[in-house]
Structures are given as structure tokens and as C-alpha cells.
Amino acid sequence: MKILVINGPNLNFLGIRNKNVYGTTDYNGLLQMIAEKAKETGSEIEVFQSNHEGAIIDRIQDAYFDGTQGIVINPGAFTHYSYAIHDALESVETMPKVEIHISDISGREDFRKVSVTKAACDTQIYGHGLNGYLEAIDYVLANPKTV
């Protein structure tokens, strides 16, 4: 299965930014975890990161045409206000989509408790640290969509 993992703003600063919230593993550590999961499951997993909303939308739209069969997305701060990313996710209804958050967004600042992108995804995983990405990949693998 071909899966796309999308990371939004500041996720490239894992291990640098707010270590008490996001942990000490850096972004390369996350990439390594995902690469190991790909080998373990026999999946093709591409990871894309951007701090730019339009680039994320473009990548979601490209996924529709490039054979991607599932999306795992951590929209970062775009979670709370990007209706454009919501609409892009909603438009690729032919594949399962999982929204992931490293921290427990339900126990943080009020603005982080609201996700406008969640409704365009099949499920949301939060508060499980980087392991949430692996859980999201498992969800995508277990819930393929056919059109």
C-alpha cells in the first residue's frame, strides 16, 4: 500500500521545540520510525513536511493522482483554522485519512482543542507521542477504501 504522511508547520523542529510537549526525538528520528514501519508492513510510505499551507494542499491534491492509497496528516497549527486543508482532504475521499497529533490536544490551550480538519478525516489520534504515527499507519492499512 502507498501511504503519504504529511507534517505541517514546525514539525521539522521536533526535538528542538517544546521538548516537554513533543519529546526529545528529532525529526530524523521520526523519519526513521516511519521507514522501519514501512519495511515491517511492506508498505511504500512517503513523508512530506512543509511550513506552507499551499504546499500541503498541493501535495494532498497530487496524492489523488499519484497512486497514494492513504494519508496520515499532522497539520500542526493549521489544524485549528485551515478550512483550505480541510477542503483538500475532503476532496480525496477515495482513501482513508487519519489526523495525528503528538500531544494530547484535548488537555492543552482552548484553541488547540478545536480541529477544523478532523471532519475531513476518518479518525483522529492524539496524545500517543510519536507512536501515534505508527497507529495511524496501522489504521490506514486496516481500512483501505475502494471506489
N, C-alpha and C. Protein backbone atom coordinates (compact mmCIF):
# COMPACT_ATOMS: atom_id res chain seq x y z
N MET A 1 0.86 -1.18 0.00
CA MET A 1 0.00 0.00 0.00
C MET A 1 0.90 1.23 0.00
N LYS A 2 0.48 2.25 -0.73
CA LYS A 2 1.22 3.51 -0.79
C LYS A 2 0.54 4.52 0.14
N ILE A 3 1.30 4.96 1.14
CA ILE A 3 0.78 5.88 2.16
C ILE A 3 1.60 7.16 2.15
N LEU A 4 0.92 8.26 2.30
CA LEU A 4 1.56 9.57 2.41
C LEU A 4 1.39 10.09 3.82
N VAL A 5 2.50 10.43 4.46
CA VAL A 5 2.48 11.06 5.78
C VAL A 5 2.83 12.53 5.57
N ILE A 6 1.94 13.41 5.98
CA ILE A 6 2.13 14.85 5.82
C ILE A 6 2.33 15.48 7.18
N ASN A 7 3.39 16.26 7.31
CA ASN A 7 3.65 17.02 8.53
C ASN A 7 3.61 18.50 8.23
N GLY A 8 2.86 19.22 9.02
CA GLY A 8 2.71 20.65 8.83
C GLY A 8 3.77 21.47 9.54
N PRO A 9 3.45 22.73 9.81
CA PRO A 9 4.42 23.69 10.32
C PRO A 9 5.05 23.27 11.64
N ASN A 10 6.33 23.51 11.71
CA ASN A 10 7.17 23.34 12.90
C ASN A 10 7.47 21.89 13.26
N LEU A 11 6.89 20.94 12.56
CA LEU A 11 7.19 19.55 12.90
C LEU A 11 8.62 19.18 12.54
N ASN A 12 9.21 19.90 11.63
CA ASN A 12 10.63 19.69 11.33
C ASN A 12 11.51 20.12 12.51
N PHE A 13 10.94 20.77 13.50
CA PHE A 13 11.66 21.20 14.70
C PHE A 13 11.42 20.27 15.89
N LEU A 14 10.98 19.04 15.62
CA LEU A 14 10.88 18.05 16.70
C LEU A 14 12.24 17.88 17.35
N GLY A 15 12.24 17.74 18.65
CA GLY A 15 13.48 17.59 19.40
C GLY A 15 14.17 18.91 19.69
N ILE A 16 13.65 19.98 19.11
CA ILE A 16 14.20 21.33 19.31
C ILE A 16 13.17 22.18 20.05
N ARG A 17 11.94 22.13 19.59
CA ARG A 17 10.85 22.98 20.07
C ARG A 17 10.02 22.26 21.13
N ASN A 18 9.76 22.93 22.23
CA ASN A 18 8.86 22.44 23.28
C ASN A 18 9.07 20.96 23.60
N LYS A 19 10.27 20.62 24.01
CA LYS A 19 10.61 19.22 24.30
C LYS A 19 9.71 18.62 25.37
N ASN A 20 9.24 19.45 26.29
CA ASN A 20 8.35 18.95 27.34
C ASN A 20 6.99 18.54 26.79
N VAL A 21 6.63 19.02 25.61
CA VAL A 21 5.35 18.68 24.98
C VAL A 21 5.54 17.62 23.90
N TYR A 22 6.56 17.79 23.06
CA TYR A 22 6.73 16.95 21.88
C TYR A 22 7.84 15.92 21.99
N GLY A 23 8.58 15.93 23.09
CA GLY A 23 9.64 14.95 23.31
C GLY A 23 10.98 15.39 22.77
N THR A 24 11.95 14.52 22.93
CA THR A 24 13.33 14.85 22.57
C THR A 24 13.78 14.19 21.27
N THR A 25 12.97 13.29 20.72
CA THR A 25 13.32 12.68 19.44
C THR A 25 13.21 13.73 18.35
N ASP A 26 14.24 13.82 17.53
CA ASP A 26 14.22 14.83 16.47
C ASP A 26 13.47 14.31 15.23
N TYR A 27 13.35 15.18 14.24
CA TYR A 27 12.57 14.85 13.04
C TYR A 27 13.16 13.64 12.32
N ASN A 28 14.48 13.55 12.27
CA ASN A 28 15.10 12.39 11.63
C ASN A 28 14.74 11.10 12.36
N GLY A 29 14.59 11.18 13.67
CA GLY A 29 14.15 10.01 14.44
C GLY A 29 12.75 9.57 14.04
N LEU A 30 11.86 10.54 13.83
CA LEU A 30 10.51 10.22 13.36
C LEU A 30 10.58 9.58 11.98
N LEU A 31 11.38 10.15 11.09
CA LEU A 31 11.52 9.58 9.75
C LEU A 31 12.01 8.14 9.81
N GLN A 32 12.94 7.88 10.71
CA GLN A 32 13.47 6.53 10.86
C GLN A 32 12.39 5.57 11.36
N MET A 33 11.59 6.01 12.33
CA MET A 33 10.48 5.19 12.83
C MET A 33 9.52 4.81 11.70
N ILE A 34 9.21 5.79 10.87
CA ILE A 34 8.27 5.57 9.77
C ILE A 34 8.89 4.65 8.72
N ALA A 35 10.17 4.82 8.43
CA ALA A 35 10.85 3.95 7.46
C ALA A 35 10.86 2.50 7.97
N GLU A 36 11.08 2.31 9.26
CA GLU A 36 11.04 0.97 9.84
C GLU A 36 9.64 0.37 9.75
N LYS A 37 8.63 1.19 9.95
CA LYS A 37 7.24 0.73 9.83
C LYS A 37 6.95 0.32 8.39
N ALA A 38 7.46 1.05 7.43
CA ALA A 38 7.27 0.71 6.03
C ALA A 38 7.86 -0.66 5.72
N LYS A 39 9.07 -0.90 6.20
CA LYS A 39 9.72 -2.21 5.99
C LYS A 39 8.92 -3.32 6.66
N GLU A 40 8.51 -3.07 7.89
CA GLU A 40 7.77 -4.06 8.67
C GLU A 40 6.46 -4.46 8.00
N THR A 41 5.79 -3.49 7.38
CA THR A 41 4.47 -3.75 6.79
C THR A 41 4.52 -3.98 5.28
N GLY A 42 5.68 -3.80 4.68
CA GLY A 42 5.79 -3.95 3.23
C GLY A 42 5.09 -2.84 2.47
N SER A 43 4.97 -1.69 3.11
CA SER A 43 4.30 -0.55 2.51
C SER A 43 5.29 0.44 1.93
N GLU A 44 4.82 1.23 1.01
CA GLU A 44 5.59 2.36 0.50
C GLU A 44 5.07 3.60 1.23
N ILE A 45 5.92 4.20 2.06
CA ILE A 45 5.47 5.36 2.83
C ILE A 45 6.36 6.54 2.50
N GLU A 46 5.73 7.59 1.98
CA GLU A 46 6.42 8.85 1.70
C GLU A 46 6.10 9.83 2.81
N VAL A 47 7.10 10.58 3.25
CA VAL A 47 6.87 11.61 4.26
C VAL A 47 7.13 12.97 3.60
N PHE A 48 6.19 13.87 3.81
CA PHE A 48 6.27 15.22 3.26
C PHE A 48 6.08 16.20 4.41
N GLN A 49 6.92 17.22 4.49
CA GLN A 49 6.78 18.25 5.52
C GLN A 49 6.86 19.61 4.87
N SER A 50 5.98 20.50 5.30
CA SER A 50 6.04 21.88 4.83
C SER A 50 5.49 22.81 5.91
N ASN A 51 6.06 23.99 5.95
CA ASN A 51 5.56 25.06 6.81
C ASN A 51 4.59 25.96 6.05
N HIS A 52 4.25 25.56 4.83
CA HIS A 52 3.42 26.40 3.95
C HIS A 52 2.10 25.71 3.62
N GLU A 53 1.02 26.37 3.90
CA GLU A 53 -0.31 25.82 3.71
C GLU A 53 -0.55 25.39 2.26
N GLY A 54 -0.20 26.23 1.32
CA GLY A 54 -0.43 25.91 -0.09
C GLY A 54 0.33 24.68 -0.54
N ALA A 55 1.56 24.50 -0.06
CA ALA A 55 2.35 23.32 -0.43
C ALA A 55 1.67 22.04 0.09
N ILE A 56 1.09 22.11 1.28
CA ILE A 56 0.38 20.96 1.84
C ILE A 56 -0.85 20.65 1.00
N ILE A 57 -1.58 21.66 0.62
CA ILE A 57 -2.76 21.47 -0.23
C ILE A 57 -2.36 20.86 -1.57
N ASP A 58 -1.30 21.40 -2.17
CA ASP A 58 -0.82 20.85 -3.44
C ASP A 58 -0.46 19.38 -3.30
N ARG A 59 0.20 19.00 -2.19
CA ARG A 59 0.62 17.60 -2.02
C ARG A 59 -0.59 16.69 -1.81
N ILE A 60 -1.60 17.17 -1.10
CA ILE A 60 -2.82 16.38 -0.93
C ILE A 60 -3.47 16.16 -2.28
N GLN A 61 -3.57 17.21 -3.08
CA GLN A 61 -4.20 17.08 -4.40
C GLN A 61 -3.38 16.16 -5.31
N ASP A 62 -2.06 16.26 -5.25
CA ASP A 62 -1.20 15.37 -6.05
C ASP A 62 -1.41 13.91 -5.65
N ALA A 63 -1.69 13.67 -4.38
CA ALA A 63 -1.90 12.30 -3.89
C ALA A 63 -3.06 11.63 -4.60
N TYR A 64 -4.03 12.40 -5.00
CA TYR A 64 -5.19 11.85 -5.72
C TYR A 64 -4.77 11.18 -7.02
N PHE A 65 -3.73 11.73 -7.66
CA PHE A 65 -3.31 11.25 -8.98
C PHE A 65 -2.10 10.32 -8.96
N ASP A 66 -1.36 10.25 -7.87
CA ASP A 66 -0.07 9.54 -7.90
C ASP A 66 -0.11 8.13 -7.31
N GLY A 67 -1.29 7.60 -7.09
CA GLY A 67 -1.40 6.24 -6.59
C GLY A 67 -1.42 6.11 -5.08
N THR A 68 -1.41 7.23 -4.37
CA THR A 68 -1.49 7.19 -2.91
C THR A 68 -2.81 6.53 -2.51
N GLN A 69 -2.73 5.65 -1.52
CA GLN A 69 -3.91 4.91 -1.08
C GLN A 69 -4.36 5.26 0.33
N GLY A 70 -3.61 6.14 1.01
CA GLY A 70 -3.99 6.56 2.34
C GLY A 70 -3.11 7.72 2.80
N ILE A 71 -3.68 8.57 3.65
CA ILE A 71 -2.97 9.75 4.14
C ILE A 71 -3.01 9.78 5.66
N VAL A 72 -1.84 10.03 6.24
CA VAL A 72 -1.70 10.35 7.67
C VAL A 72 -1.24 11.79 7.70
N ILE A 73 -1.94 12.64 8.43
CA ILE A 73 -1.58 14.06 8.44
C ILE A 73 -1.54 14.62 9.84
N ASN A 74 -0.45 15.32 10.13
CA ASN A 74 -0.35 16.15 11.32
C ASN A 74 -0.30 17.58 10.79
N PRO A 75 -1.44 18.25 10.75
CA PRO A 75 -1.47 19.59 10.16
C PRO A 75 -0.81 20.67 11.01
N GLY A 76 -0.34 20.31 12.22
CA GLY A 76 0.24 21.32 13.10
C GLY A 76 -0.80 22.39 13.40
N ALA A 77 -0.36 23.62 13.46
CA ALA A 77 -1.26 24.73 13.79
C ALA A 77 -2.37 24.91 12.76
N PHE A 78 -2.17 24.43 11.53
CA PHE A 78 -3.23 24.53 10.51
C PHE A 78 -4.48 23.76 10.93
N THR A 79 -4.32 22.82 11.85
CA THR A 79 -5.44 22.04 12.37
C THR A 79 -6.59 22.94 12.81
N HIS A 80 -6.24 24.06 13.39
CA HIS A 80 -7.21 24.88 14.10
C HIS A 80 -7.90 25.93 13.24
N TYR A 81 -7.40 26.12 12.01
CA TYR A 81 -8.03 27.18 11.22
C TYR A 81 -7.98 27.00 9.72
N SER A 82 -7.37 25.94 9.20
CA SER A 82 -7.24 25.83 7.75
C SER A 82 -8.40 25.07 7.13
N TYR A 83 -9.41 25.83 6.75
CA TYR A 83 -10.51 25.23 6.01
C TYR A 83 -10.06 24.82 4.62
N ALA A 84 -9.01 25.43 4.13
CA ALA A 84 -8.46 25.06 2.82
C ALA A 84 -7.87 23.65 2.88
N ILE A 85 -7.13 23.32 3.93
CA ILE A 85 -6.61 21.96 4.07
C ILE A 85 -7.77 20.99 4.31
N HIS A 86 -8.75 21.39 5.11
CA HIS A 86 -9.95 20.57 5.29
C HIS A 86 -10.56 20.22 3.95
N ASP A 87 -10.76 21.23 3.10
CA ASP A 87 -11.40 21.01 1.81
C ASP A 87 -10.56 20.10 0.91
N ALA A 88 -9.24 20.26 0.95
CA ALA A 88 -8.36 19.40 0.15
C ALA A 88 -8.47 17.95 0.63
N LEU A 89 -8.45 17.75 1.95
CA LEU A 89 -8.59 16.39 2.49
C LEU A 89 -9.95 15.80 2.13
N GLU A 90 -10.97 16.60 2.23
CA GLU A 90 -12.32 16.14 1.92
C GLU A 90 -12.44 15.70 0.46
N SER A 91 -11.69 16.36 -0.41
CA SER A 91 -11.80 16.08 -1.84
C SER A 91 -11.16 14.76 -2.25
N VAL A 92 -10.29 14.21 -1.41
CA VAL A 92 -9.67 12.92 -1.73
C VAL A 92 -10.37 11.81 -0.94
N GLU A 93 -11.64 11.67 -1.21
CA GLU A 93 -12.48 10.74 -0.46
C GLU A 93 -12.22 9.27 -0.80
N THR A 94 -11.38 9.03 -1.80
CA THR A 94 -11.10 7.66 -2.23
C THR A 94 -10.08 6.95 -1.35
N MET A 95 -9.58 7.62 -0.33
CA MET A 95 -8.55 7.00 0.52
C MET A 95 -8.81 7.30 1.99
N PRO A 96 -8.40 6.38 2.87
CA PRO A 96 -8.53 6.66 4.31
C PRO A 96 -7.55 7.76 4.71
N LYS A 97 -8.00 8.57 5.66
CA LYS A 97 -7.19 9.69 6.15
C LYS A 97 -7.26 9.72 7.67
N VAL A 98 -6.08 9.88 8.29
CA VAL A 98 -6.01 9.94 9.74
C VAL A 98 -5.30 11.22 10.14
N GLU A 99 -5.93 11.98 11.03
CA GLU A 99 -5.29 13.16 11.61
C GLU A 99 -4.56 12.72 12.86
N ILE A 100 -3.31 13.14 12.98
CA ILE A 100 -2.47 12.74 14.11
C ILE A 100 -1.92 13.97 14.82
N HIS A 101 -1.85 13.88 16.14
CA HIS A 101 -1.21 14.91 16.96
C HIS A 101 -0.36 14.21 18.01
N ILE A 102 0.84 14.67 18.18
CA ILE A 102 1.78 14.07 19.13
C ILE A 102 1.30 14.28 20.57
N SER A 103 0.88 15.50 20.86
CA SER A 103 0.45 15.83 22.22
C SER A 103 -1.04 15.57 22.39
N ASP A 104 -1.49 15.63 23.62
CA ASP A 104 -2.91 15.49 23.92
C ASP A 104 -3.56 16.86 23.77
N ILE A 105 -4.07 17.11 22.57
CA ILE A 105 -4.62 18.44 22.27
C ILE A 105 -5.85 18.74 23.12
N SER A 106 -6.50 17.72 23.65
CA SER A 106 -7.69 17.96 24.47
C SER A 106 -7.34 18.54 25.84
N GLY A 107 -6.09 18.44 26.24
CA GLY A 107 -5.67 18.94 27.54
C GLY A 107 -4.79 20.18 27.46
N ARG A 108 -4.75 20.79 26.30
CA ARG A 108 -3.90 21.97 26.11
C ARG A 108 -4.74 23.23 26.01
N GLU A 109 -4.19 24.28 25.45
CA GLU A 109 -4.91 25.55 25.33
C GLU A 109 -6.23 25.35 24.58
N ASP A 110 -7.20 26.19 24.89
CA ASP A 110 -8.53 26.04 24.29
C ASP A 110 -8.49 26.01 22.77
N PHE A 111 -7.67 26.86 22.15
CA PHE A 111 -7.66 26.91 20.69
C PHE A 111 -7.18 25.59 20.09
N ARG A 112 -6.36 24.82 20.81
CA ARG A 112 -5.84 23.55 20.29
C ARG A 112 -6.89 22.43 20.37
N LYS A 113 -7.94 22.65 21.11
CA LYS A 113 -8.98 21.64 21.25
C LYS A 113 -9.90 21.58 20.04
N VAL A 114 -9.82 22.59 19.19
CA VAL A 114 -10.68 22.68 18.01
C VAL A 114 -9.89 22.26 16.78
N SER A 115 -10.44 21.29 16.05
CA SER A 115 -9.83 20.87 14.79
C SER A 115 -10.83 21.04 13.67
N VAL A 116 -10.49 21.90 12.71
CA VAL A 116 -11.36 22.06 11.55
C VAL A 116 -11.04 21.01 10.48
N THR A 117 -9.90 20.34 10.61
CA THR A 117 -9.51 19.33 9.62
C THR A 117 -10.00 17.94 10.00
N LYS A 118 -10.31 17.72 11.25
CA LYS A 118 -10.74 16.40 11.74
C LYS A 118 -11.94 15.86 10.97
N ALA A 119 -12.89 16.70 10.66
CA ALA A 119 -14.12 16.24 9.99
C ALA A 119 -13.85 15.68 8.60
N ALA A 120 -12.73 16.05 8.00
CA ALA A 120 -12.39 15.55 6.66
C ALA A 120 -11.57 14.25 6.73
N CYS A 121 -11.32 13.78 7.95
CA CYS A 121 -10.54 12.55 8.14
C CYS A 121 -11.44 11.46 8.70
N ASP A 122 -10.98 10.23 8.57
CA ASP A 122 -11.76 9.10 9.08
C ASP A 122 -11.66 8.97 10.59
N THR A 123 -10.52 9.35 11.14
CA THR A 123 -10.32 9.27 12.58
C THR A 123 -9.21 10.23 12.98
N GLN A 124 -9.08 10.43 14.28
CA GLN A 124 -8.06 11.31 14.84
C GLN A 124 -7.36 10.57 15.98
N ILE A 125 -6.05 10.65 16.00
CA ILE A 125 -5.25 10.07 17.07
C ILE A 125 -4.44 11.18 17.69
N TYR A 126 -4.50 11.30 19.01
CA TYR A 126 -3.71 12.33 19.68
C TYR A 126 -3.28 11.87 21.05
N GLY A 127 -2.15 12.44 21.49
CA GLY A 127 -1.67 12.16 22.84
C GLY A 127 -0.86 10.88 22.98
N HIS A 128 -0.50 10.24 21.90
CA HIS A 128 0.26 9.00 21.96
C HIS A 128 1.71 9.20 21.56
N GLY A 129 2.15 10.44 21.54
CA GLY A 129 3.53 10.72 21.15
C GLY A 129 3.77 10.34 19.70
N LEU A 130 5.02 10.08 19.38
CA LEU A 130 5.36 9.70 18.00
C LEU A 130 4.77 8.35 17.62
N ASN A 131 4.49 7.51 18.61
CA ASN A 131 3.85 6.22 18.31
C ASN A 131 2.48 6.39 17.66
N GLY A 132 1.87 7.55 17.84
CA GLY A 132 0.60 7.83 17.17
C GLY A 132 0.71 7.73 15.66
N TYR A 133 1.87 8.09 15.12
CA TYR A 133 2.06 7.95 13.67
C TYR A 133 1.97 6.48 13.26
N LEU A 134 2.57 5.60 14.05
CA LEU A 134 2.55 4.17 13.73
C LEU A 134 1.14 3.62 13.85
N GLU A 135 0.39 4.08 14.84
CA GLU A 135 -1.00 3.69 14.99
C GLU A 135 -1.83 4.17 13.80
N ALA A 136 -1.55 5.38 13.34
CA ALA A 136 -2.27 5.93 12.19
C ALA A 136 -1.98 5.12 10.93
N ILE A 137 -0.73 4.73 10.75
CA ILE A 137 -0.38 3.90 9.60
C ILE A 137 -1.11 2.57 9.68
N ASP A 138 -1.15 1.98 10.86
CA ASP A 138 -1.89 0.72 11.04
C ASP A 138 -3.37 0.90 10.69
N TYR A 139 -3.95 2.03 11.08
CA TYR A 139 -5.35 2.29 10.77
C TYR A 139 -5.56 2.33 9.26
N VAL A 140 -4.68 3.07 8.57
CA VAL A 140 -4.80 3.19 7.11
C VAL A 140 -4.70 1.81 6.46
N LEU A 141 -3.73 1.02 6.91
CA LEU A 141 -3.55 -0.32 6.34
C LEU A 141 -4.76 -1.22 6.57
N ALA A 142 -5.41 -1.06 7.71
CA ALA A 142 -6.55 -1.91 8.07
C ALA A 142 -7.87 -1.42 7.48
N ASN A 143 -7.88 -0.21 6.92
CA ASN A 143 -9.13 0.38 6.45
C ASN A 143 -9.01 0.94 5.03
N PRO A 144 -8.61 0.12 4.07
CA PRO A 144 -8.49 0.65 2.70
C PRO A 144 -9.89 0.98 2.15
N LYS A 145 -9.92 1.94 1.25
CA LYS A 145 -11.18 2.31 0.61
C LYS A 145 -11.12 1.89 -0.84
N THR A 146 -12.25 1.47 -1.34
CA THR A 146 -12.35 1.17 -2.77
C THR A 146 -13.49 1.98 -3.34
N VAL A 147 -13.27 2.48 -4.52
CA VAL A 147 -14.33 3.29 -5.17
C VAL A 147 -14.71 2.66 -6.47
